[in-house]
Amino acid sequence: MKVQFAEISETGNHYEITENSWFPDKAIRRCAPIRACLQLVRENDSTVTLEGRLQTGVRFVCDRCLTAYDLPVD
């Protein structure tokens, strides 16, 4: 996602994104979509503050018993 600097207001822009296709590591299995809740605020002519929360879930296999389990990531 790209946001033009001029579109970011001093009061802030709020974005909620759900993404199913992107994940940086192929060795980790994702079991839930990646969700992002972001707030961008223009501080001045050259600075933007980004605050947000990312959530997803990943699937692991226990090394001891080989049972698969899902772990939420927040």
PDB file of N, CA and C in Angstrom:
ATOM      1  N   MET A   1       0.841  -1.172   0.000  1.00  0.00           N
ATOM      2  CA  MET A   1       0.000   0.000   0.000  1.00  0.00           C
ATOM      3  C   MET A   1       0.886   1.235   0.000  1.00  0.00           C
ATOM      4  N   LYS A   2       0.561   2.177  -0.849  1.00  0.00           N
ATOM      5  CA  LYS A   2       1.297   3.429  -0.908  1.00  0.00           C
ATOM      6  C   LYS A   2       0.341   4.566  -0.582  1.00  0.00           C
ATOM      7  N   VAL A   3       0.819   5.493   0.236  1.00  0.00           N
ATOM      8  CA  VAL A   3       0.043   6.670   0.605  1.00  0.00           C
ATOM      9  C   VAL A   3       0.873   7.890   0.235  1.00  0.00           C
ATOM     10  N   GLN A   4       0.290   8.790  -0.520  1.00  0.00           N
ATOM     11  CA  GLN A   4       0.983  10.017  -0.885  1.00  0.00           C
ATOM     12  C   GLN A   4       1.121  10.913   0.346  1.00  0.00           C
ATOM     13  N   PHE A   5       2.293  11.511   0.510  1.00  0.00           N
ATOM     14  CA  PHE A   5       2.558  12.366   1.665  1.00  0.00           C
ATOM     15  C   PHE A   5       1.527  13.486   1.761  1.00  0.00           C
ATOM     16  N   ALA A   6       1.156  14.062   0.634  1.00  0.00           N
ATOM     17  CA  ALA A   6       0.207  15.180   0.624  1.00  0.00           C
ATOM     18  C   ALA A   6      -1.188  14.763   1.090  1.00  0.00           C
ATOM     19  N   GLU A   7      -1.505  13.469   1.033  1.00  0.00           N
ATOM     20  CA  GLU A   7      -2.824  12.982   1.449  1.00  0.00           C
ATOM     21  C   GLU A   7      -2.934  12.783   2.959  1.00  0.00           C
ATOM     22  N   ILE A   8      -1.829  12.825   3.675  1.00  0.00           N
ATOM     23  CA  ILE A   8      -1.840  12.586   5.118  1.00  0.00           C
ATOM     24  C   ILE A   8      -2.122  13.906   5.831  1.00  0.00           C
ATOM     25  N   SER A   9      -3.169  13.918   6.642  1.00  0.00           N
ATOM     26  CA  SER A   9      -3.570  15.161   7.299  1.00  0.00           C
ATOM     27  C   SER A   9      -2.913  15.300   8.672  1.00  0.00           C
ATOM     28  N   GLU A  10      -2.989  16.503   9.209  1.00  0.00           N
ATOM     29  CA  GLU A  10      -2.454  16.765  10.545  1.00  0.00           C
ATOM     30  C   GLU A  10      -3.330  16.140  11.622  1.00  0.00           C
ATOM     31  N   THR A  11      -4.590  15.868  11.305  1.00  0.00           N
ATOM     32  CA  THR A  11      -5.477  15.205  12.266  1.00  0.00           C
ATOM     33  C   THR A  11      -5.372  13.695  12.160  1.00  0.00           C
ATOM     34  N   GLY A  12      -4.767  13.209  11.083  1.00  0.00           N
ATOM     35  CA  GLY A  12      -4.508  11.779  10.948  1.00  0.00           C
ATOM     36  C   GLY A  12      -5.401  11.075   9.948  1.00  0.00           C
ATOM     37  N   ASN A  13      -4.861  10.032   9.348  1.00  0.00           N
ATOM     38  CA  ASN A  13      -5.589   9.149   8.437  1.00  0.00           C
ATOM     39  C   ASN A  13      -5.599   7.761   9.046  1.00  0.00           C
ATOM     40  N   HIS A  14      -6.752   7.126   9.027  1.00  0.00           N
ATOM     41  CA  HIS A  14      -6.908   5.792   9.602  1.00  0.00           C
ATOM     42  C   HIS A  14      -7.082   4.787   8.467  1.00  0.00           C
ATOM     43  N   TYR A  15      -6.353   3.667   8.545  1.00  0.00           N
ATOM     44  CA  TYR A  15      -6.442   2.615   7.534  1.00  0.00           C
ATOM     45  C   TYR A  15      -6.607   1.267   8.220  1.00  0.00           C
ATOM     46  N   GLU A  16      -7.480   0.446   7.669  1.00  0.00           N
ATOM     47  CA  GLU A  16      -7.615  -0.941   8.109  1.00  0.00           C
ATOM     48  C   GLU A  16      -7.395  -1.815   6.892  1.00  0.00           C
ATOM     49  N   ILE A  17      -6.440  -2.730   6.996  1.00  0.00           N
ATOM     50  CA  ILE A  17      -6.020  -3.548   5.858  1.00  0.00           C
ATOM     51  C   ILE A  17      -6.068  -5.014   6.264  1.00  0.00           C
ATOM     52  N   THR A  18      -6.584  -5.846   5.377  1.00  0.00           N
ATOM     53  CA  THR A  18      -6.510  -7.294   5.546  1.00  0.00           C
ATOM     54  C   THR A  18      -5.821  -7.846   4.316  1.00  0.00           C
ATOM     55  N   GLU A  19      -4.757  -8.606   4.525  1.00  0.00           N
ATOM     56  CA  GLU A  19      -3.935  -9.106   3.417  1.00  0.00           C
ATOM     57  C   GLU A  19      -3.761 -10.609   3.543  1.00  0.00           C
ATOM     58  N   ASN A  20      -4.019 -11.315   2.463  1.00  0.00           N
ATOM     59  CA  ASN A  20      -3.865 -12.765   2.461  1.00  0.00           C
ATOM     60  C   ASN A  20      -2.658 -13.250   1.675  1.00  0.00           C
ATOM     61  N   SER A  21      -2.077 -12.416   0.842  1.00  0.00           N
ATOM     62  CA  SER A  21      -1.063 -12.906  -0.090  1.00  0.00           C
ATOM     63  C   SER A  21       0.375 -12.691   0.373  1.00  0.00           C
ATOM     64  N   TRP A  22       0.637 -11.761   1.263  1.00  0.00           N
ATOM     65  CA  TRP A  22       2.015 -11.416   1.601  1.00  0.00           C
ATOM     66  C   TRP A  22       2.432 -12.039   2.920  1.00  0.00           C
ATOM     67  N   PHE A  23       3.600 -12.626   2.927  1.00  0.00           N
ATOM     68  CA  PHE A  23       4.241 -13.075   4.166  1.00  0.00           C
ATOM     69  C   PHE A  23       5.722 -13.221   3.872  1.00  0.00           C
ATOM     70  N   PRO A  24       6.611 -12.656   4.686  1.00  0.00           N
ATOM     71  CA  PRO A  24       8.028 -12.592   4.322  1.00  0.00           C
ATOM     72  C   PRO A  24       8.787 -13.906   4.375  1.00  0.00           C
ATOM     73  N   ASP A  25       8.338 -14.873   5.131  1.00  0.00           N
ATOM     74  CA  ASP A  25       9.106 -16.104   5.316  1.00  0.00           C
ATOM     75  C   ASP A  25       8.278 -17.297   4.868  1.00  0.00           C
ATOM     76  N   LYS A  26       8.733 -17.986   3.840  1.00  0.00           N
ATOM     77  CA  LYS A  26       7.992 -19.138   3.305  1.00  0.00           C
ATOM     78  C   LYS A  26       8.009 -20.329   4.259  1.00  0.00           C
ATOM     79  N   ALA A  27       8.955 -20.361   5.198  1.00  0.00           N
ATOM     80  CA  ALA A  27       9.057 -21.489   6.122  1.00  0.00           C
ATOM     81  C   ALA A  27       8.006 -21.436   7.231  1.00  0.00           C
ATOM     82  N   ILE A  28       7.400 -20.273   7.420  1.00  0.00           N
ATOM     83  CA  ILE A  28       6.373 -20.127   8.455  1.00  0.00           C
ATOM     84  C   ILE A  28       5.007 -20.194   7.786  1.00  0.00           C
ATOM     85  N   ARG A  29       4.167 -21.077   8.279  1.00  0.00           N
ATOM     86  CA  ARG A  29       2.821 -21.210   7.720  1.00  0.00           C
ATOM     87  C   ARG A  29       1.863 -20.291   8.458  1.00  0.00           C
ATOM     88  N   ARG A  30       1.196 -19.470   7.706  1.00  0.00           N
ATOM     89  CA  ARG A  30       0.217 -18.551   8.270  1.00  0.00           C
ATOM     90  C   ARG A  30      -1.144 -19.221   8.250  1.00  0.00           C
ATOM     91  N   CYS A  31      -1.900 -19.141   9.346  1.00  0.00           N
ATOM     92  CA  CYS A  31      -3.216 -19.773   9.422  1.00  0.00           C
ATOM     93  C   CYS A  31      -4.330 -18.738   9.535  1.00  0.00           C
ATOM     94  N   ALA A  32      -3.986 -17.469   9.454  1.00  0.00           N
ATOM     95  CA  ALA A  32      -4.974 -16.391   9.511  1.00  0.00           C
ATOM     96  C   ALA A  32      -4.462 -15.249   8.644  1.00  0.00           C
ATOM     97  N   PRO A  33      -5.364 -14.441   8.115  1.00  0.00           N
ATOM     98  CA  PRO A  33      -4.910 -13.300   7.323  1.00  0.00           C
ATOM     99  C   PRO A  33      -4.150 -12.300   8.189  1.00  0.00           C
ATOM    100  N   ILE A  34      -3.318 -11.511   7.545  1.00  0.00           N
ATOM    101  CA  ILE A  34      -2.617 -10.438   8.238  1.00  0.00           C
ATOM    102  C   ILE A  34      -3.564  -9.244   8.275  1.00  0.00           C
ATOM    103  N   ARG A  35      -3.804  -8.725   9.470  1.00  0.00           N
ATOM    104  CA  ARG A  35      -4.674  -7.563   9.637  1.00  0.00           C
ATOM    105  C   ARG A  35      -3.848  -6.423  10.214  1.00  0.00           C
ATOM    106  N   ALA A  36      -4.029  -5.247   9.648  1.00  0.00           N
ATOM    107  CA  ALA A  36      -3.323  -4.067  10.133  1.00  0.00           C
ATOM    108  C   ALA A  36      -4.328  -2.952  10.372  1.00  0.00           C
ATOM    109  N   CYS A  37      -4.179  -2.295  11.491  1.00  0.00           N
ATOM    110  CA  CYS A  37      -4.962  -1.112  11.828  1.00  0.00           C
ATOM    111  C   CYS A  37      -3.939   0.004  12.029  1.00  0.00           C
ATOM    112  N   LEU A  38      -3.917   0.979  11.133  1.00  0.00           N
ATOM    113  CA  LEU A  38      -2.849   1.980  11.101  1.00  0.00           C
ATOM    114  C   LEU A  38      -3.396   3.388  11.233  1.00  0.00           C
ATOM    115  N   GLN A  39      -2.627   4.246  11.874  1.00  0.00           N
ATOM    116  CA  GLN A  39      -2.942   5.661  11.993  1.00  0.00           C
ATOM    117  C   GLN A  39      -1.708   6.445  11.565  1.00  0.00           C
ATOM    118  N   LEU A  40      -1.838   7.252  10.508  1.00  0.00           N
ATOM    119  CA  LEU A  40      -0.750   8.100  10.036  1.00  0.00           C
ATOM    120  C   LEU A  40      -1.098   9.545  10.345  1.00  0.00           C
ATOM    121  N   VAL A  41      -0.152  10.282  10.929  1.00  0.00           N
ATOM    122  CA  VAL A  41      -0.361  11.681  11.279  1.00  0.00           C
ATOM    123  C   VAL A  41       0.818  12.482  10.748  1.00  0.00           C
ATOM    124  N   ARG A  42       0.521  13.549  10.012  1.00  0.00           N
ATOM    125  CA  ARG A  42       1.594  14.416   9.523  1.00  0.00           C
ATOM    126  C   ARG A  42       1.989  15.376  10.637  1.00  0.00           C
ATOM    127  N   GLU A  43       3.240  15.289  11.065  1.00  0.00           N
ATOM    128  CA  GLU A  43       3.737  16.140  12.148  1.00  0.00           C
ATOM    129  C   GLU A  43       4.174  17.513  11.628  1.00  0.00           C
ATOM    130  N   ASN A  44       4.833  17.524  10.461  1.00  0.00           N
ATOM    131  CA  ASN A  44       5.275  18.765   9.825  1.00  0.00           C
ATOM    132  C   ASN A  44       5.485  18.463   8.343  1.00  0.00           C
ATOM    133  N   ASP A  45       6.203  19.318   7.632  1.00  0.00           N
ATOM    134  CA  ASP A  45       6.388  19.143   6.185  1.00  0.00           C
ATOM    135  C   ASP A  45       7.288  17.977   5.814  1.00  0.00           C
ATOM    136  N   SER A  46       7.982  17.373   6.786  1.00  0.00           N
ATOM    137  CA  SER A  46       8.894  16.282   6.451  1.00  0.00           C
ATOM    138  C   SER A  46       8.764  15.056   7.352  1.00  0.00           C
ATOM    139  N   THR A  47       7.806  15.064   8.282  1.00  0.00           N
ATOM    140  CA  THR A  47       7.704  13.963   9.240  1.00  0.00           C
ATOM    141  C   THR A  47       6.277  13.439   9.340  1.00  0.00           C
ATOM    142  N   VAL A  48       6.154  12.114   9.279  1.00  0.00           N
ATOM    143  CA  VAL A  48       4.872  11.439   9.483  1.00  0.00           C
ATOM    144  C   VAL A  48       5.062  10.422  10.600  1.00  0.00           C
ATOM    145  N   THR A  49       4.117  10.386  11.532  1.00  0.00           N
ATOM    146  CA  THR A  49       4.131   9.397  12.608  1.00  0.00           C
ATOM    147  C   THR A  49       3.179   8.271  12.235  1.00  0.00           C
ATOM    148  N   LEU A  50       3.645   7.040  12.386  1.00  0.00           N
ATOM    149  CA  LEU A  50       2.831   5.859  12.111  1.00  0.00           C
ATOM    150  C   LEU A  50       2.664   5.075  13.400  1.00  0.00           C
ATOM    151  N   GLU A  51       1.417   4.824  13.770  1.00  0.00           N
ATOM    152  CA  GLU A  51       1.107   3.950  14.897  1.00  0.00           C
ATOM    153  C   GLU A  51       0.167   2.887  14.382  1.00  0.00           C
ATOM    154  N   GLY A  52       0.304   1.682  14.902  1.00  0.00           N
ATOM    155  CA  GLY A  52      -0.584   0.651  14.408  1.00  0.00           C
ATOM    156  C   GLY A  52      -0.489  -0.644  15.168  1.00  0.00           C
ATOM    157  N   ARG A  53      -1.308  -1.565  14.696  1.00  0.00           N
ATOM    158  CA  ARG A  53      -1.369  -2.899  15.293  1.00  0.00           C
ATOM    159  C   ARG A  53      -1.464  -3.917  14.165  1.00  0.00           C
ATOM    160  N   LEU A  54      -0.622  -4.944  14.233  1.00  0.00           N
ATOM    161  CA  LEU A  54      -0.649  -6.044  13.268  1.00  0.00           C
ATOM    162  C   LEU A  54      -1.098  -7.302  13.977  1.00  0.00           C
ATOM    163  N   GLN A  55      -1.938  -8.077  13.306  1.00  0.00           N
ATOM    164  CA  GLN A  55      -2.395  -9.346  13.856  1.00  0.00           C
ATOM    165  C   GLN A  55      -2.384 -10.399  12.763  1.00  0.00           C
ATOM    166  N   THR A  56      -2.044 -11.614  13.131  1.00  0.00           N
ATOM    167  CA  THR A  56      -2.133 -12.766  12.240  1.00  0.00           C
ATOM    168  C   THR A  56      -2.101 -14.022  13.107  1.00  0.00           C
ATOM    169  N   GLY A  57      -1.995 -15.131  12.489  1.00  0.00           N
ATOM    170  CA  GLY A  57      -1.841 -16.397  13.192  1.00  0.00           C
ATOM    171  C   GLY A  57      -0.875 -17.263  12.413  1.00  0.00           C
ATOM    172  N   VAL A  58      -0.051 -18.001  13.116  1.00  0.00           N
ATOM    173  CA  VAL A  58       0.903 -18.893  12.457  1.00  0.00           C
ATOM    174  C   VAL A  58       0.712 -20.312  12.982  1.00  0.00           C
ATOM    175  N   ARG A  59       1.013 -21.260  12.127  1.00  0.00           N
ATOM    176  CA  ARG A  59       0.873 -22.673  12.481  1.00  0.00           C
ATOM    177  C   ARG A  59       2.257 -23.260  12.706  1.00  0.00           C
ATOM    178  N   PHE A  60       2.414 -23.944  13.828  1.00  0.00           N
ATOM    179  CA  PHE A  60       3.658 -24.610  14.188  1.00  0.00           C
ATOM    180  C   PHE A  60       3.400 -26.091  14.406  1.00  0.00           C
ATOM    181  N   VAL A  61       4.469 -26.863  14.436  1.00  0.00           N
ATOM    182  CA  VAL A  61       4.393 -28.279  14.782  1.00  0.00           C
ATOM    183  C   VAL A  61       5.287 -28.487  15.995  1.00  0.00           C
ATOM    184  N   CYS A  62       4.741 -29.118  17.010  1.00  0.00           N
ATOM    185  CA  CYS A  62       5.494 -29.404  18.234  1.00  0.00           C
ATOM    186  C   CYS A  62       6.625 -30.381  17.908  1.00  0.00           C
ATOM    187  N   ASP A  63       7.843 -30.035  18.287  1.00  0.00           N
ATOM    188  CA  ASP A  63       8.995 -30.914  18.053  1.00  0.00           C
ATOM    189  C   ASP A  63       8.915 -32.194  18.879  1.00  0.00           C
ATOM    190  N   ARG A  64       8.229 -32.128  19.976  1.00  0.00           N
ATOM    191  CA  ARG A  64       8.173 -33.277  20.880  1.00  0.00           C
ATOM    192  C   ARG A  64       7.117 -34.305  20.464  1.00  0.00           C
ATOM    193  N   CYS A  65       5.881 -33.841  20.158  1.00  0.00           N
ATOM    194  CA  CYS A  65       4.798 -34.790  19.864  1.00  0.00           C
ATOM    195  C   CYS A  65       4.313 -34.720  18.413  1.00  0.00           C
ATOM    196  N   LEU A  66       4.853 -33.783  17.629  1.00  0.00           N
ATOM    197  CA  LEU A  66       4.517 -33.595  16.215  1.00  0.00           C
ATOM    198  C   LEU A  66       3.064 -33.185  15.977  1.00  0.00           C
ATOM    199  N   THR A  67       2.424 -32.623  16.992  1.00  0.00           N
ATOM    200  CA  THR A  67       1.065 -32.111  16.843  1.00  0.00           C
ATOM    201  C   THR A  67       1.123 -30.678  16.329  1.00  0.00           C
ATOM    202  N   ALA A  68       0.313 -30.375  15.320  1.00  0.00           N
ATOM    203  CA  ALA A  68       0.244 -29.012  14.799  1.00  0.00           C
ATOM    204  C   ALA A  68      -0.626 -28.160  15.722  1.00  0.00           C
ATOM    205  N   TYR A  69      -0.241 -26.902  15.874  1.00  0.00           N
ATOM    206  CA  TYR A  69      -1.047 -25.972  16.666  1.00  0.00           C
ATOM    207  C   TYR A  69      -0.927 -24.574  16.070  1.00  0.00           C
ATOM    208  N   ASP A  70      -1.972 -23.782  16.281  1.00  0.00           N
ATOM    209  CA  ASP A  70      -2.015 -22.416  15.777  1.00  0.00           C
ATOM    210  C   ASP A  70      -1.716 -21.445  16.912  1.00  0.00           C
ATOM    211  N   LEU A  71      -0.948 -20.419  16.596  1.00  0.00           N
ATOM    212  CA  LEU A  71      -0.575 -19.425  17.587  1.00  0.00           C
ATOM    213  C   LEU A  71      -0.946 -18.037  17.062  1.00  0.00           C
ATOM    214  N   PRO A  72      -1.834 -17.323  17.760  1.00  0.00           N
ATOM    215  CA  PRO A  72      -2.137 -15.955  17.337  1.00  0.00           C
ATOM    216  C   PRO A  72      -0.941 -15.046  17.603  1.00  0.00           C
ATOM    217  N   VAL A  73      -0.686 -14.134  16.688  1.00  0.00           N
ATOM    218  CA  VAL A  73       0.411 -13.177  16.820  1.00  0.00           C
ATOM    219  C   VAL A  73      -0.203 -11.788  16.811  1.00  0.00           C
ATOM    220  N   ASP A  74       0.110 -11.007  17.830  1.00  0.00           N
ATOM    221  CA  ASP A  74      -0.473  -9.675  17.970  1.00  0.00           C
ATOM    222  C   ASP A  74       0.631  -8.676  18.223  1.00  0.00           C
TER     223      ASP A  74
END
